[in-house]
Protein backbone atom coordinates (compact mmCIF):
# COMPACT_ATOMS: atom_id res chain seq x y z
CA MET A 1 46.80 -67.74 -121.73
CA PRO A 2 47.93 -66.96 -118.08
CA ALA A 3 49.75 -70.14 -116.17
CA PRO A 4 47.89 -72.24 -113.97
CA VAL A 5 48.53 -71.44 -110.19
CA THR A 6 50.84 -74.58 -109.61
CA ASP A 7 53.12 -73.16 -112.03
CA THR A 8 52.66 -69.65 -111.17
CA ALA A 9 53.64 -70.76 -107.57
CA LYS A 10 56.65 -73.24 -108.59
CA LEU A 11 57.86 -70.30 -110.69
CA SER A 12 57.54 -67.57 -107.55
CA HIS A 13 59.28 -70.35 -105.28
CA GLN A 14 62.22 -70.82 -107.71
CA LEU A 15 62.07 -66.94 -108.04
CA ILE A 16 62.83 -66.30 -104.19
CA GLU A 17 65.07 -69.38 -103.52
CA LEU A 18 67.49 -68.18 -106.21
CA TYR A 19 67.44 -64.49 -105.07
CA GLU A 20 67.87 -65.94 -101.18
CA ARG A 21 71.04 -67.68 -102.78
CA LEU A 22 72.04 -64.94 -104.30
CA SER A 23 71.68 -62.54 -101.34
CA SER A 24 73.65 -65.15 -99.45
CA TRP A 25 76.30 -65.74 -101.74
CA GLU A 26 76.80 -61.70 -102.23
CA GLN A 27 76.83 -61.08 -98.46
CA ASP A 28 79.33 -63.71 -97.92
CA VAL A 29 81.37 -61.82 -100.59
CA VAL A 30 80.81 -58.54 -99.32
CA LYS A 31 81.11 -58.99 -95.68
CA ASN A 32 85.41 -59.48 -96.18
CA SER A 33 85.47 -55.85 -97.63
CA GLY A 34 84.15 -54.48 -94.51
CA LEU A 35 81.32 -52.95 -96.27
CA SER A 36 77.95 -53.60 -96.75
CA THR A 37 76.19 -55.18 -99.53
CA HIS A 38 74.54 -51.64 -100.14
CA GLN A 39 77.54 -49.80 -100.17
CA MET A 40 79.11 -52.11 -102.23
CA HIS A 41 76.16 -52.05 -104.44
CA THR A 42 76.60 -48.34 -104.92
CA ILE A 43 80.22 -49.38 -106.04
CA GLU A 44 79.45 -51.52 -108.54
CA ILE A 45 76.47 -48.97 -110.11
CA VAL A 46 79.41 -46.00 -110.17
CA GLY A 47 82.04 -48.90 -111.36
CA HIS A 48 79.53 -49.51 -114.83
CA SER A 49 78.51 -46.58 -115.21
CA GLY A 50 81.69 -44.27 -114.92
CA SER A 51 79.80 -41.84 -113.11
CA LEU A 52 76.74 -40.52 -112.38
CA ARG A 53 75.10 -37.72 -110.89
CA MET A 54 73.89 -37.99 -107.64
CA LYS A 55 69.77 -38.48 -108.97
CA ASP A 56 70.47 -40.61 -111.06
CA LEU A 57 72.78 -42.76 -109.06
CA ALA A 58 69.86 -42.94 -106.65
CA GLN A 59 67.21 -43.51 -109.44
CA LYS A 60 68.85 -47.08 -110.06
CA MET A 61 69.49 -47.73 -106.86
CA GLY A 62 65.28 -47.15 -105.63
CA VAL A 63 66.61 -44.73 -102.81
CA THR A 64 65.63 -41.05 -101.98
CA THR A 65 68.92 -38.62 -102.78
CA GLY A 66 68.65 -38.18 -99.04
CA THR A 67 69.22 -41.72 -97.84
CA LEU A 68 72.15 -42.00 -100.75
CA THR A 69 73.86 -38.40 -99.61
CA VAL A 70 74.46 -40.33 -96.63
CA MET A 71 75.95 -43.49 -98.06
CA VAL A 72 78.09 -41.51 -100.60
CA ASP A 73 79.30 -38.98 -97.58
CA ARG A 74 80.84 -42.27 -95.89
CA LEU A 75 82.04 -43.37 -98.82
CA GLU A 76 83.79 -40.32 -99.63
CA GLN A 77 85.24 -40.47 -95.66
CA GLN A 78 86.97 -44.11 -96.43
CA ASP A 79 88.32 -42.44 -99.81
CA ILE A 80 86.55 -45.07 -102.10
CA LEU A 81 84.45 -42.16 -104.49
CA HIS A 82 84.17 -38.63 -104.17
CA ARG A 83 82.01 -36.07 -106.04
CA GLN A 84 82.91 -34.17 -109.00
CA ALA A 85 81.30 -31.17 -110.08
CA HIS A 86 79.57 -31.34 -113.23
CA GLU A 87 81.26 -30.09 -116.39
CA THR A 88 78.30 -28.51 -117.90
CA ASP A 89 75.44 -28.35 -114.77
CA ARG A 90 77.31 -26.28 -112.26
CA ARG A 91 74.15 -27.08 -109.42
CA SER A 92 75.05 -31.42 -110.17
CA TYR A 93 77.73 -33.32 -108.48
CA LEU A 94 79.05 -36.44 -110.86
CA ILE A 95 80.03 -39.49 -108.30
CA VAL A 96 82.91 -41.30 -109.42
CA LEU A 97 85.36 -44.05 -108.11
CA THR A 98 88.34 -43.39 -106.38
CA ALA A 99 91.34 -45.46 -107.01
CA LYS A 100 90.94 -47.57 -104.24
CA GLY A 101 86.93 -47.41 -105.63
CA GLU A 102 88.05 -49.00 -108.83
CA LYS A 103 89.75 -51.61 -106.66
CA LEU A 104 87.08 -52.95 -104.98
CA PHE A 105 84.85 -52.44 -107.91
CA GLU A 106 87.54 -54.78 -109.87
CA GLU A 107 87.59 -57.35 -106.95
CA HIS A 108 83.94 -57.39 -106.38
CA HIS A 109 83.56 -57.88 -110.42
CA GLN A 110 85.34 -60.84 -111.02
CA HIS A 111 83.92 -62.40 -108.27
CA HIS A 112 80.47 -61.34 -110.13
CA LEU A 113 81.65 -63.19 -113.61
CA SER A 114 83.50 -66.12 -111.50
CA LEU A 115 79.56 -66.92 -109.84
CA THR A 116 78.08 -66.61 -113.23
CA LYS A 117 80.64 -69.18 -115.05
CA GLU A 118 80.11 -71.00 -112.74
CA LEU A 119 75.70 -70.98 -112.30
CA THR A 120 76.20 -71.08 -116.68
CA ALA A 121 78.50 -74.05 -116.97
CA ILE A 122 75.33 -76.61 -116.53
CA LEU A 123 73.99 -74.79 -119.68
CA SER A 124 74.58 -75.43 -123.29
CA SER A 125 75.61 -72.57 -124.89
CA GLU A 126 72.48 -72.45 -126.70
CA GLU A 127 70.79 -72.35 -122.85
CA GLN A 128 73.25 -69.44 -121.80
CA LYS A 129 71.81 -67.55 -124.53
CA GLN A 130 68.38 -68.03 -124.27
CA PHE A 131 68.45 -67.44 -120.65
CA GLY A 132 70.25 -64.10 -121.05
CA THR A 133 67.12 -63.01 -122.95
CA ILE A 134 65.20 -64.84 -120.66
CA LEU A 135 66.76 -62.13 -117.84
CA GLU A 136 66.28 -59.44 -120.41
CA LYS A 137 62.75 -59.29 -120.42
CA ILE A 138 62.66 -60.03 -117.07
CA ILE A 139 64.60 -57.24 -115.96
CA ASP A 140 62.47 -54.69 -118.95
CA GLN A 141 59.44 -55.67 -117.31
CA ILE A 142 60.91 -54.57 -113.32
């Protein structure tokens, strides 16, 4: 049975509020790095993945490869990441972090871990597990 409209409206408001607060926090953290939030997001995705083909990175970011190419060019100029020839597919390049990129990724990842600990400190360990399960379901849905 679907949730009543008032419950759906409340959830919608809560999701928007959460998104806005997380976005604001992310912008505050990133502004000190001299990078845009999109650039840091790129670094974050590559940092978690190890290396990615341009096509796969663009898909994870929800952008075209053309849009991503411009960003990768800029990050490459800053010695944050570089293109590496794919071992088995000569037409393809992998995007990998440089040492400078790894350092930026680790610093930013630590901010995320701290925020997560701070946000979930009010939850019991059972609630944290439930929250994780709910987030997985939502992420899988979108």
